[in-house]
PDB file of all heavy atoms in Angstrom:
ATOM      1  N   ARG A   1       2.336  -1.807  30.733  1.00  0.00           N
ATOM      2  CA  ARG A   1       2.820  -2.714  29.603  1.00  0.00           C
ATOM      3  C   ARG A   1       1.653  -3.092  28.712  1.00  0.00           C
ATOM      4  O   ARG A   1       1.758  -3.072  27.508  1.00  0.00           O
ATOM      5  CB  ARG A   1       3.476  -3.918  30.303  1.00  0.00           C
ATOM      6  CG  ARG A   1       3.940  -4.916  29.136  1.00  0.00           C
ATOM      7  CD  ARG A   1       4.875  -6.005  29.871  1.00  0.00           C
ATOM      8  NE  ARG A   1       5.500  -6.683  28.741  1.00  0.00           N
ATOM      9  CZ  ARG A   1       5.560  -7.997  28.592  1.00  0.00           C
ATOM     10  NH1 ARG A   1       5.094  -8.742  29.679  1.00  0.00           N
ATOM     11  NH2 ARG A   1       6.123  -8.639  27.710  1.00  0.00           N
ATOM     12  N   VAL A   2       0.538  -3.355  29.237  1.00  0.00           N
ATOM     13  CA  VAL A   2      -0.699  -3.731  28.441  1.00  0.00           C
ATOM     14  C   VAL A   2      -1.038  -2.550  27.583  1.00  0.00           C
ATOM     15  O   VAL A   2      -1.383  -2.585  26.435  1.00  0.00           O
ATOM     16  CB  VAL A   2      -1.869  -4.196  29.325  1.00  0.00           C
ATOM     17  CG1 VAL A   2      -3.073  -4.335  28.432  1.00  0.00           C
ATOM     18  CG2 VAL A   2      -1.507  -5.582  30.039  1.00  0.00           C
ATOM     19  N   SER A   3      -0.961  -1.344  28.194  1.00  0.00           N
ATOM     20  CA  SER A   3      -1.409  -0.237  27.460  1.00  0.00           C
ATOM     21  C   SER A   3      -0.373   0.082  26.215  1.00  0.00           C
ATOM     22  O   SER A   3      -0.802   0.494  25.188  1.00  0.00           O
ATOM     23  CB  SER A   3      -1.383   1.015  28.390  1.00  0.00           C
ATOM     24  OG  SER A   3      -2.409   0.975  29.256  1.00  0.00           O
ATOM     25  N   THR A   4       0.919  -0.176  26.600  1.00  0.00           N
ATOM     26  CA  THR A   4       1.875   0.055  25.496  1.00  0.00           C
ATOM     27  C   THR A   4       1.626  -0.947  24.394  1.00  0.00           C
ATOM     28  O   THR A   4       1.732  -0.558  23.183  1.00  0.00           O
ATOM     29  CB  THR A   4       3.307  -0.129  26.146  1.00  0.00           C
ATOM     30  OG1 THR A   4       3.525   0.769  27.205  1.00  0.00           O
ATOM     31  CG2 THR A   4       4.432   0.080  25.046  1.00  0.00           C
ATOM     32  N   ILE A   5       1.332  -2.206  24.626  1.00  0.00           N
ATOM     33  CA  ILE A   5       1.142  -3.228  23.737  1.00  0.00           C
ATOM     34  C   ILE A   5      -0.158  -2.821  22.891  1.00  0.00           C
ATOM     35  O   ILE A   5      -0.156  -2.855  21.721  1.00  0.00           O
ATOM     36  CB  ILE A   5       1.011  -4.542  24.277  1.00  0.00           C
ATOM     37  CG1 ILE A   5       2.304  -5.109  24.865  1.00  0.00           C
ATOM     38  CG2 ILE A   5       0.432  -5.645  23.294  1.00  0.00           C
ATOM     39  CD1 ILE A   5       2.241  -6.296  25.740  1.00  0.00           C
ATOM     40  N   ALA A   6      -1.130  -2.411  23.530  1.00  0.00           N
ATOM     41  CA  ALA A   6      -2.495  -2.062  22.983  1.00  0.00           C
ATOM     42  C   ALA A   6      -2.296  -0.917  21.984  1.00  0.00           C
ATOM     43  O   ALA A   6      -2.800  -0.856  20.907  1.00  0.00           O
ATOM     44  CB  ALA A   6      -3.519  -1.749  23.916  1.00  0.00           C
ATOM     45  N   ALA A   7      -1.425   0.057  22.439  1.00  0.00           N
ATOM     46  CA  ALA A   7      -1.168   1.335  21.615  1.00  0.00           C
ATOM     47  C   ALA A   7      -0.350   0.804  20.438  1.00  0.00           C
ATOM     48  O   ALA A   7      -0.638   1.302  19.305  1.00  0.00           O
ATOM     49  CB  ALA A   7      -0.386   2.337  22.341  1.00  0.00           C
ATOM     50  N   GLY A   8       0.650  -0.016  20.559  1.00  0.00           N
ATOM     51  CA  GLY A   8       1.419  -0.532  19.431  1.00  0.00           C
ATOM     52  C   GLY A   8       0.537  -1.325  18.455  1.00  0.00           C
ATOM     53  O   GLY A   8       0.695  -1.069  17.185  1.00  0.00           O
ATOM     54  N   LEU A   9      -0.312  -2.099  18.901  1.00  0.00           N
ATOM     55  CA  LEU A   9      -1.275  -2.902  18.064  1.00  0.00           C
ATOM     56  C   LEU A   9      -2.198  -1.946  17.259  1.00  0.00           C
ATOM     57  O   LEU A   9      -2.476  -2.124  16.107  1.00  0.00           O
ATOM     58  CB  LEU A   9      -2.081  -3.928  18.695  1.00  0.00           C
ATOM     59  CG  LEU A   9      -1.273  -5.173  19.299  1.00  0.00           C
ATOM     60  CD1 LEU A   9      -2.199  -5.964  20.221  1.00  0.00           C
ATOM     61  CD2 LEU A   9      -0.729  -5.907  18.160  1.00  0.00           C
ATOM     62  N   LEU A  10      -2.630  -0.896  17.910  1.00  0.00           N
ATOM     63  CA  LEU A  10      -3.570   0.104  17.349  1.00  0.00           C
ATOM     64  C   LEU A  10      -2.783   0.816  16.192  1.00  0.00           C
ATOM     65  O   LEU A  10      -3.413   0.859  15.073  1.00  0.00           O
ATOM     66  CB  LEU A  10      -4.040   1.096  18.296  1.00  0.00           C
ATOM     67  CG  LEU A  10      -5.028   2.206  17.840  1.00  0.00           C
ATOM     68  CD1 LEU A  10      -6.319   1.531  17.219  1.00  0.00           C
ATOM     69  CD2 LEU A  10      -5.367   3.169  18.947  1.00  0.00           C
ATOM     70  N   LEU A  11      -1.613   1.165  16.436  1.00  0.00           N
ATOM     71  CA  LEU A  11      -0.698   1.882  15.362  1.00  0.00           C
ATOM     72  C   LEU A  11      -0.506   0.871  14.246  1.00  0.00           C
ATOM     73  O   LEU A  11      -0.659   1.244  13.083  1.00  0.00           O
ATOM     74  CB  LEU A  11       0.519   2.299  15.979  1.00  0.00           C
ATOM     75  CG  LEU A  11       0.449   3.635  16.887  1.00  0.00           C
ATOM     76  CD1 LEU A  11       1.791   3.866  17.408  1.00  0.00           C
ATOM     77  CD2 LEU A  11      -0.060   4.751  15.957  1.00  0.00           C
ATOM     78  N   LEU A  12      -0.186  -0.402  14.636  1.00  0.00           N
ATOM     79  CA  LEU A  12       0.128  -1.301  13.611  1.00  0.00           C
ATOM     80  C   LEU A  12      -1.156  -1.541  12.627  1.00  0.00           C
ATOM     81  O   LEU A  12      -0.997  -1.532  11.388  1.00  0.00           O
ATOM     82  CB  LEU A  12       0.544  -2.667  14.147  1.00  0.00           C
ATOM     83  CG  LEU A  12       0.743  -3.818  13.258  1.00  0.00           C
ATOM     84  CD1 LEU A  12       1.947  -3.520  12.359  1.00  0.00           C
ATOM     85  CD2 LEU A  12       0.903  -5.178  14.015  1.00  0.00           C
ATOM     86  N   PHE A  13      -2.313  -1.746  13.178  1.00  0.00           N
ATOM     87  CA  PHE A  13      -3.559  -2.122  12.439  1.00  0.00           C
ATOM     88  C   PHE A  13      -4.193  -0.881  11.850  1.00  0.00           C
ATOM     89  O   PHE A  13      -4.909  -0.981  10.842  1.00  0.00           O
ATOM     90  CB  PHE A  13      -4.307  -2.940  13.190  1.00  0.00           C
ATOM     91  CG  PHE A  13      -3.814  -4.246  13.512  1.00  0.00           C
ATOM     92  CD1 PHE A  13      -3.541  -4.668  14.780  1.00  0.00           C
ATOM     93  CD2 PHE A  13      -3.623  -5.096  12.407  1.00  0.00           C
ATOM     94  CE1 PHE A  13      -3.033  -5.976  14.945  1.00  0.00           C
ATOM     95  CE2 PHE A  13      -3.044  -6.517  12.727  1.00  0.00           C
ATOM     96  CZ  PHE A  13      -2.765  -6.806  13.845  1.00  0.00           C
ATOM     97  N   SER A  14      -3.912   0.343  12.374  1.00  0.00           N
ATOM     98  CA  SER A  14      -4.747   1.535  11.934  1.00  0.00           C
ATOM     99  C   SER A  14      -4.273   1.840  10.432  1.00  0.00           C
ATOM    100  O   SER A  14      -5.074   2.483   9.724  1.00  0.00           O
ATOM    101  CB  SER A  14      -4.475   2.744  12.770  1.00  0.00           C
ATOM    102  OG  SER A  14      -3.109   3.117  12.722  1.00  0.00           O
ATOM    103  N   GLY A  15      -3.081   1.508   9.949  1.00  0.00           N
ATOM    104  CA  GLY A  15      -2.720   1.912   8.618  1.00  0.00           C
ATOM    105  C   GLY A  15      -3.101   0.836   7.604  1.00  0.00           C
ATOM    106  O   GLY A  15      -2.779   0.907   6.424  1.00  0.00           O
ATOM    107  N   GLN A  16      -3.760  -0.266   7.979  1.00  0.00           N
ATOM    108  CA  GLN A  16      -4.060  -1.365   7.120  1.00  0.00           C
ATOM    109  C   GLN A  16      -5.375  -1.041   6.406  1.00  0.00           C
ATOM    110  O   GLN A  16      -6.277  -0.589   7.000  1.00  0.00           O
ATOM    111  CB  GLN A  16      -4.107  -2.785   7.791  1.00  0.00           C
ATOM    112  CG  GLN A  16      -2.805  -3.188   8.261  1.00  0.00           C
ATOM    113  CD  GLN A  16      -2.796  -4.623   8.696  1.00  0.00           C
ATOM    114  OE1 GLN A  16      -3.793  -5.265   8.826  1.00  0.00           O
ATOM    115  NE2 GLN A  16      -1.589  -5.062   9.115  1.00  0.00           N
ATOM    116  N   GLY A  17      -5.461  -1.521   5.146  1.00  0.00           N
ATOM    117  CA  GLY A  17      -6.687  -1.189   4.454  1.00  0.00           C
ATOM    118  C   GLY A  17      -7.707  -2.130   4.883  1.00  0.00           C
ATOM    119  O   GLY A  17      -7.546  -3.178   5.435  1.00  0.00           O
ATOM    120  N   GLN A  18      -8.975  -1.736   4.769  1.00  0.00           N
ATOM    121  CA  GLN A  18     -10.147  -2.527   5.083  1.00  0.00           C
ATOM    122  C   GLN A  18     -10.683  -3.176   3.912  1.00  0.00           C
ATOM    123  O   GLN A  18     -10.506  -2.619   2.775  1.00  0.00           O
ATOM    124  CB  GLN A  18     -11.169  -1.640   5.769  1.00  0.00           C
ATOM    125  CG  GLN A  18     -10.690  -0.944   7.043  1.00  0.00           C
ATOM    126  CD  GLN A  18     -11.769  -0.022   7.640  1.00  0.00           C
ATOM    127  OE1 GLN A  18     -12.968   0.032   7.102  1.00  0.00           O
ATOM    128  NE2 GLN A  18     -11.343   0.917   8.420  1.00  0.00           N
ATOM    129  N   ALA A  19     -11.338  -4.290   4.025  1.00  0.00           N
ATOM    130  CA  ALA A  19     -11.939  -4.993   2.929  1.00  0.00           C
ATOM    131  C   ALA A  19     -12.869  -3.995   2.169  1.00  0.00           C
ATOM    132  O   ALA A  19     -13.590  -3.181   2.779  1.00  0.00           O
ATOM    133  CB  ALA A  19     -12.740  -6.199   3.503  1.00  0.00           C
ATOM    134  N   GLY A  20     -12.820  -3.942   0.909  1.00  0.00           N
ATOM    135  CA  GLY A  20     -13.591  -3.162   0.018  1.00  0.00           C
ATOM    136  C   GLY A  20     -13.065  -1.868  -0.250  1.00  0.00           C
ATOM    137  O   GLY A  20     -13.602  -1.104  -1.168  1.00  0.00           O
ATOM    138  N   GLU A  21     -11.911  -1.406   0.254  1.00  0.00           N
ATOM    139  CA  GLU A  21     -11.328  -0.167  -0.096  1.00  0.00           C
ATOM    140  C   GLU A  21     -10.607  -0.341  -1.408  1.00  0.00           C
ATOM    141  O   GLU A  21     -10.014  -1.377  -1.718  1.00  0.00           O
ATOM    142  CB  GLU A  21     -10.347   0.288   0.970  1.00  0.00           C
ATOM    143  CG  GLU A  21     -10.904   0.749   2.295  1.00  0.00           C
ATOM    144  CD  GLU A  21      -9.838   1.235   3.225  1.00  0.00           C
ATOM    145  OE1 GLU A  21      -8.564   1.355   2.921  1.00  0.00           O
ATOM    146  OE2 GLU A  21     -10.208   1.579   4.316  1.00  0.00           O
ATOM    147  N   LEU A  22     -10.750   0.708  -2.210  1.00  0.00           N
ATOM    148  CA  LEU A  22      -9.959   0.762  -3.443  1.00  0.00           C
ATOM    149  C   LEU A  22      -8.476   1.031  -3.189  1.00  0.00           C
ATOM    150  O   LEU A  22      -8.145   1.670  -2.299  1.00  0.00           O
ATOM    151  CB  LEU A  22     -10.585   1.794  -4.411  1.00  0.00           C
ATOM    152  CG  LEU A  22     -12.062   1.589  -4.786  1.00  0.00           C
ATOM    153  CD1 LEU A  22     -12.625   2.908  -5.490  1.00  0.00           C
ATOM    154  CD2 LEU A  22     -11.996   0.521  -5.950  1.00  0.00           C
ATOM    155  N   PRO A  23      -7.718   0.300  -3.980  1.00  0.00           N
ATOM    156  CA  PRO A  23      -6.285   0.364  -3.726  1.00  0.00           C
ATOM    157  C   PRO A  23      -5.605   1.726  -4.283  1.00  0.00           C
ATOM    158  O   PRO A  23      -5.023   1.710  -5.363  1.00  0.00           O
ATOM    159  CB  PRO A  23      -5.705  -0.811  -4.542  1.00  0.00           C
ATOM    160  CG  PRO A  23      -6.744  -1.000  -5.616  1.00  0.00           C
ATOM    161  CD  PRO A  23      -8.001  -0.624  -5.051  1.00  0.00           C
ATOM    162  N   ASP A  24      -5.799   2.735  -3.500  1.00  0.00           N
ATOM    163  CA  ASP A  24      -5.333   4.089  -3.984  1.00  0.00           C
ATOM    164  C   ASP A  24      -3.786   4.035  -4.106  1.00  0.00           C
ATOM    165  O   ASP A  24      -3.256   4.980  -4.890  1.00  0.00           O
ATOM    166  CB  ASP A  24      -5.765   5.226  -3.055  1.00  0.00           C
ATOM    167  CG  ASP A  24      -5.261   5.054  -1.580  1.00  0.00           C
ATOM    168  OD1 ASP A  24      -4.691   4.019  -1.284  1.00  0.00           O
ATOM    169  OD2 ASP A  24      -5.523   5.972  -0.887  1.00  0.00           O
ATOM    170  N   TRP A  25      -3.085   3.205  -3.670  1.00  0.00           N
ATOM    171  CA  TRP A  25      -1.587   3.103  -3.706  1.00  0.00           C
ATOM    172  C   TRP A  25      -1.286   2.674  -5.195  1.00  0.00           C
ATOM    173  O   TRP A  25      -0.083   2.736  -5.572  1.00  0.00           O
ATOM    174  CB  TRP A  25      -0.981   2.117  -2.699  1.00  0.00           C
ATOM    175  CG  TRP A  25      -1.758   0.712  -2.642  1.00  0.00           C
ATOM    176  CD1 TRP A  25      -2.656   0.443  -1.730  1.00  0.00           C
ATOM    177  CD2 TRP A  25      -1.516  -0.304  -3.520  1.00  0.00           C
ATOM    178  NE1 TRP A  25      -3.142  -0.811  -2.103  1.00  0.00           N
ATOM    179  CE2 TRP A  25      -2.418  -1.367  -3.159  1.00  0.00           C
ATOM    180  CE3 TRP A  25      -0.750  -0.666  -4.611  1.00  0.00           C
ATOM    181  CZ2 TRP A  25      -2.560  -2.520  -3.749  1.00  0.00           C
ATOM    182  CZ3 TRP A  25      -0.774  -1.835  -5.226  1.00  0.00           C
ATOM    183  CH2 TRP A  25      -1.738  -2.813  -4.786  1.00  0.00           C
ATOM    184  N   LEU A  26      -2.268   2.205  -5.930  1.00  0.00           N
ATOM    185  CA  LEU A  26      -2.015   1.839  -7.354  1.00  0.00           C
ATOM    186  C   LEU A  26      -2.015   3.073  -8.304  1.00  0.00           C
ATOM    187  O   LEU A  26      -1.494   2.905  -9.417  1.00  0.00           O
ATOM    188  CB  LEU A  26      -3.148   0.802  -7.784  1.00  0.00           C
ATOM    189  CG  LEU A  26      -3.110   0.104  -8.991  1.00  0.00           C
ATOM    190  CD1 LEU A  26      -1.856  -0.725  -9.098  1.00  0.00           C
ATOM    191  CD2 LEU A  26      -4.254  -0.789  -9.132  1.00  0.00           C
ATOM    192  N   THR A  27      -2.482   4.211  -7.793  1.00  0.00           N
ATOM    193  CA  THR A  27      -2.729   5.353  -8.559  1.00  0.00           C
ATOM    194  C   THR A  27      -1.298   5.825  -9.137  1.00  0.00           C
ATOM    195  O   THR A  27      -0.409   5.918  -8.452  1.00  0.00           O
ATOM    196  CB  THR A  27      -3.356   6.402  -7.746  1.00  0.00           C
ATOM    197  OG1 THR A  27      -4.440   6.073  -7.276  1.00  0.00           O
ATOM    198  CG2 THR A  27      -3.457   7.815  -8.453  1.00  0.00           C
ATOM    199  N   GLY A  28      -1.329   6.259 -10.336  1.00  0.00           N
ATOM    200  CA  GLY A  28      -0.191   6.812 -10.956  1.00  0.00           C
ATOM    201  C   GLY A  28       0.109   6.354 -12.401  1.00  0.00           C
ATOM    202  O   GLY A  28      -0.675   5.595 -12.969  1.00  0.00           O
ATOM    203  N   GLU A  29       1.230   6.830 -12.844  1.00  0.00           N
ATOM    204  CA  GLU A  29       1.668   6.486 -14.220  1.00  0.00           C
ATOM    205  C   GLU A  29       3.003   5.665 -13.953  1.00  0.00           C
ATOM    206  O   GLU A  29       3.942   5.969 -13.480  1.00  0.00           O
ATOM    207  CB  GLU A  29       1.987   7.728 -14.955  1.00  0.00           C
ATOM    208  CG  GLU A  29       2.205   7.539 -16.434  1.00  0.00           C
ATOM    209  CD  GLU A  29       2.411   8.887 -17.174  1.00  0.00           C
ATOM    210  OE1 GLU A  29       1.997   9.946 -16.537  1.00  0.00           O
ATOM    211  OE2 GLU A  29       2.797   8.823 -18.250  1.00  0.00           O
ATOM    212  N   TRP A  30       2.921   4.266 -14.568  1.00  0.00           N
ATOM    213  CA  TRP A  30       3.929   3.374 -14.215  1.00  0.00           C
ATOM    214  C   TRP A  30       4.617   2.876 -15.553  1.00  0.00           C
ATOM    215  O   TRP A  30       3.920   2.706 -16.599  1.00  0.00           O
ATOM    216  CB  TRP A  30       3.374   2.198 -13.478  1.00  0.00           C
ATOM    217  CG  TRP A  30       2.627   2.613 -12.174  1.00  0.00           C
ATOM    218  CD1 TRP A  30       1.267   2.835 -12.053  1.00  0.00           C
ATOM    219  CD2 TRP A  30       3.287   2.888 -10.960  1.00  0.00           C
ATOM    220  NE1 TRP A  30       1.086   3.188 -10.751  1.00  0.00           N
ATOM    221  CE2 TRP A  30       2.249   3.226 -10.111  1.00  0.00           C
ATOM    222  CE3 TRP A  30       4.642   2.746 -10.525  1.00  0.00           C
ATOM    223  CZ2 TRP A  30       2.539   3.592  -8.778  1.00  0.00           C
ATOM    224  CZ3 TRP A  30       4.923   3.186  -9.235  1.00  0.00           C
ATOM    225  CH2 TRP A  30       3.859   3.521  -8.329  1.00  0.00           C
ATOM    226  N   LEU A  31       5.922   2.700 -15.508  1.00  0.00           N
ATOM    227  CA  LEU A  31       6.601   2.233 -16.706  1.00  0.00           C
ATOM    228  C   LEU A  31       7.632   1.184 -16.393  1.00  0.00           C
ATOM    229  O   LEU A  31       8.335   1.280 -15.458  1.00  0.00           O
ATOM    230  CB  LEU A  31       7.343   3.502 -17.270  1.00  0.00           C
ATOM    231  CG  LEU A  31       8.327   3.266 -18.457  1.00  0.00           C
ATOM    232  CD1 LEU A  31       7.554   2.766 -19.637  1.00  0.00           C
ATOM    233  CD2 LEU A  31       9.028   4.490 -18.730  1.00  0.00           C
ATOM    234  N   GLN A  32       7.693   0.206 -17.277  1.00  0.00           N
ATOM    235  CA  GLN A  32       8.731  -0.857 -17.153  1.00  0.00           C
ATOM    236  C   GLN A  32       9.512  -0.804 -18.541  1.00  0.00           C
ATOM    237  O   GLN A  32       8.708  -0.893 -19.579  1.00  0.00           O
ATOM    238  CB  GLN A  32       8.220  -2.227 -17.004  1.00  0.00           C
ATOM    239  CG  GLN A  32       9.303  -3.306 -17.063  1.00  0.00           C
ATOM    240  CD  GLN A  32       8.749  -4.723 -16.839  1.00  0.00           C
ATOM    241  OE1 GLN A  32       8.774  -5.148 -15.754  1.00  0.00           O
ATOM    242  NE2 GLN A  32       8.524  -5.417 -17.930  1.00  0.00           N
ATOM    243  N   LYS A  33      10.726  -0.638 -18.530  1.00  0.00           N
ATOM    244  CA  LYS A  33      11.573  -0.725 -19.867  1.00  0.00           C
ATOM    245  C   LYS A  33      12.545  -1.922 -19.695  1.00  0.00           C
ATOM    246  O   LYS A  33      13.203  -2.025 -18.766  1.00  0.00           O
ATOM    247  CB  LYS A  33      12.277   0.586 -20.090  1.00  0.00           C
ATOM    248  CG  LYS A  33      11.293   1.737 -20.392  1.00  0.00           C
ATOM    249  CD  LYS A  33      11.986   3.007 -20.642  1.00  0.00           C
ATOM    250  CE  LYS A  33      12.650   2.911 -22.084  1.00  0.00           C
ATOM    251  NZ  LYS A  33      13.199   4.248 -22.499  1.00  0.00           N
ATOM    252  N   ARG A  34      12.703  -2.658 -20.815  1.00  0.00           N
ATOM    253  CA  ARG A  34      13.689  -3.710 -20.904  1.00  0.00           C
ATOM    254  C   ARG A  34      14.153  -3.629 -22.395  1.00  0.00           C
ATOM    255  O   ARG A  34      13.492  -3.931 -23.311  1.00  0.00           O
ATOM    256  CB  ARG A  34      13.150  -5.030 -20.646  1.00  0.00           C
ATOM    257  CG  ARG A  34      12.713  -5.267 -19.192  1.00  0.00           C
ATOM    258  CD  ARG A  34      12.231  -6.679 -18.979  1.00  0.00           C
ATOM    259  NE  ARG A  34      11.924  -6.897 -17.530  1.00  0.00           N
ATOM    260  CZ  ARG A  34      11.086  -7.829 -17.151  1.00  0.00           C
ATOM    261  NH1 ARG A  34      10.545  -8.626 -17.974  1.00  0.00           N
ATOM    262  NH2 ARG A  34      10.720  -7.933 -15.889  1.00  0.00           N
ATOM    263  N   ASP A  35      15.402  -3.127 -22.530  1.00  0.00           N
ATOM    264  CA  ASP A  35      15.967  -2.837 -23.877  1.00  0.00           C
ATOM    265  C   ASP A  35      15.054  -2.010 -24.626  1.00  0.00           C
ATOM    266  O   ASP A  35      14.677  -0.924 -24.126  1.00  0.00           O
ATOM    267  CB  ASP A  35      16.224  -4.202 -24.649  1.00  0.00           C
ATOM    268  CG  ASP A  35      17.195  -5.124 -23.824  1.00  0.00           C
ATOM    269  OD1 ASP A  35      18.200  -4.611 -23.350  1.00  0.00           O
ATOM    270  OD2 ASP A  35      16.879  -6.297 -23.768  1.00  0.00           O
ATOM    271  N   ASP A  36      14.570  -2.415 -25.835  1.00  0.00           N
ATOM    272  CA  ASP A  36      13.681  -1.514 -26.562  1.00  0.00           C
ATOM    273  C   ASP A  36      12.146  -1.957 -26.281  1.00  0.00           C
ATOM    274  O   ASP A  36      11.254  -1.238 -26.896  1.00  0.00           O
ATOM    275  CB  ASP A  36      13.973  -1.502 -28.045  1.00  0.00           C
ATOM    276  CG  ASP A  36      13.670  -2.874 -28.722  1.00  0.00           C
ATOM    277  OD1 ASP A  36      13.651  -3.864 -27.985  1.00  0.00           O
ATOM    278  OD2 ASP A  36      13.467  -2.897 -29.959  1.00  0.00           O
ATOM    279  N   ARG A  37      11.959  -2.784 -25.380  1.00  0.00           N
ATOM    280  CA  ARG A  37      10.531  -3.196 -25.070  1.00  0.00           C
ATOM    281  C   ARG A  37      10.073  -2.276 -23.858  1.00  0.00           C
ATOM    282  O   ARG A  37      10.786  -2.021 -22.908  1.00  0.00           O
ATOM    283  CB  ARG A  37      10.525  -4.675 -24.744  1.00  0.00           C
ATOM    284  CG  ARG A  37      10.755  -5.518 -25.976  1.00  0.00           C
ATOM    285  CD  ARG A  37      10.553  -7.015 -25.562  1.00  0.00           C
ATOM    286  NE  ARG A  37      11.409  -7.399 -24.470  1.00  0.00           N
ATOM    287  CZ  ARG A  37      12.450  -8.176 -24.629  1.00  0.00           C
ATOM    288  NH1 ARG A  37      12.967  -8.541 -25.657  1.00  0.00           N
ATOM    289  NH2 ARG A  37      13.185  -8.366 -23.469  1.00  0.00           N
ATOM    290  N   TRP A  38       8.830  -2.005 -23.857  1.00  0.00           N
ATOM    291  CA  TRP A  38       8.269  -1.155 -22.759  1.00  0.00           C
ATOM    292  C   TRP A  38       6.763  -1.681 -22.492  1.00  0.00           C
ATOM    293  O   TRP A  38       6.084  -2.161 -23.366  1.00  0.00           O
ATOM    294  CB  TRP A  38       8.226   0.282 -23.135  1.00  0.00           C
ATOM    295  CG  TRP A  38       7.761   0.587 -24.512  1.00  0.00           C
ATOM    296  CD1 TRP A  38       8.529   0.656 -25.586  1.00  0.00           C
ATOM    297  CD2 TRP A  38       6.296   0.808 -24.807  1.00  0.00           C
ATOM    298  NE1 TRP A  38       7.696   0.987 -26.758  1.00  0.00           N
ATOM    299  CE2 TRP A  38       6.364   1.079 -26.267  1.00  0.00           C
ATOM    300  CE3 TRP A  38       5.241   0.775 -24.181  1.00  0.00           C
ATOM    301  CZ2 TRP A  38       5.218   1.317 -27.005  1.00  0.00           C
ATOM    302  CZ3 TRP A  38       3.976   0.994 -24.906  1.00  0.00           C
ATOM    303  CH2 TRP A  38       4.036   1.249 -26.305  1.00  0.00           C
ATOM    304  N   THR A  39       6.353  -1.486 -21.164  1.00  0.00           N
ATOM    305  CA  THR A  39       5.007  -1.695 -20.723  1.00  0.00           C
ATOM    306  C   THR A  39       4.573  -0.550 -19.866  1.00  0.00           C
ATOM    307  O   THR A  39       5.451  -0.125 -18.994  1.00  0.00           O
ATOM    308  CB  THR A  39       4.886  -3.001 -20.021  1.00  0.00           C
ATOM    309  OG1 THR A  39       5.379  -4.099 -20.843  1.00  0.00           O
ATOM    310  CG2 THR A  39       3.473  -3.282 -19.497  1.00  0.00           C
ATOM    311  N   GLU A  40       3.510  -0.013 -20.040  1.00  0.00           N
ATOM    312  CA  GLU A  40       3.007   1.162 -19.262  1.00  0.00           C
ATOM    313  C   GLU A  40       1.611   0.839 -18.649  1.00  0.00           C
ATOM    314  O   GLU A  40       0.763   0.174 -19.419  1.00  0.00           O
ATOM    315  CB  GLU A  40       2.910   2.367 -20.118  1.00  0.00           C
ATOM    316  CG  GLU A  40       4.137   2.838 -20.766  1.00  0.00           C
ATOM    317  CD  GLU A  40       3.849   3.992 -21.720  1.00  0.00           C
ATOM    318  OE1 GLU A  40       2.752   4.021 -22.357  1.00  0.00           O
ATOM    319  OE2 GLU A  40       4.776   4.810 -21.988  1.00  0.00           O
ATOM    320  N   GLU A  41       1.398   1.309 -17.459  1.00  0.00           N
ATOM    321  CA  GLU A  41       0.054   1.239 -16.853  1.00  0.00           C
ATOM    322  C   GLU A  41      -0.188   2.606 -16.228  1.00  0.00           C
ATOM    323  O   GLU A  41       0.693   3.241 -15.679  1.00  0.00           O
ATOM    324  CB  GLU A  41      -0.125   0.221 -15.818  1.00  0.00           C
ATOM    325  CG  GLU A  41      -0.331  -1.149 -16.465  1.00  0.00           C
ATOM    326  CD  GLU A  41      -0.882  -2.216 -15.542  1.00  0.00           C
ATOM    327  OE1 GLU A  41      -1.596  -1.891 -14.467  1.00  0.00           O
ATOM    328  OE2 GLU A  41      -0.738  -3.432 -15.841  1.00  0.00           O
ATOM    329  N   VAL A  42      -1.420   3.111 -16.340  1.00  0.00           N
ATOM    330  CA  VAL A  42      -1.903   4.280 -15.751  1.00  0.00           C
ATOM    331  C   VAL A  42      -3.119   4.093 -14.889  1.00  0.00           C
ATOM    332  O   VAL A  42      -4.141   3.550 -15.482  1.00  0.00           O
ATOM    333  CB  VAL A  42      -2.142   5.437 -16.751  1.00  0.00           C
ATOM    334  CG1 VAL A  42      -2.557   6.742 -16.151  1.00  0.00           C
ATOM    335  CG2 VAL A  42      -0.827   5.715 -17.580  1.00  0.00           C
TER     336      VAL A  42
END
């Protein structure tokens, strides 16, 4: 049971970003449109 909990915690925390990492999930070309108004970020 302890091993299962430890493995679960390891999986849970292994995908989390560490302090100082650049937010690569922000990468891309992004668009918001509302009627004829638009905002873009790349």
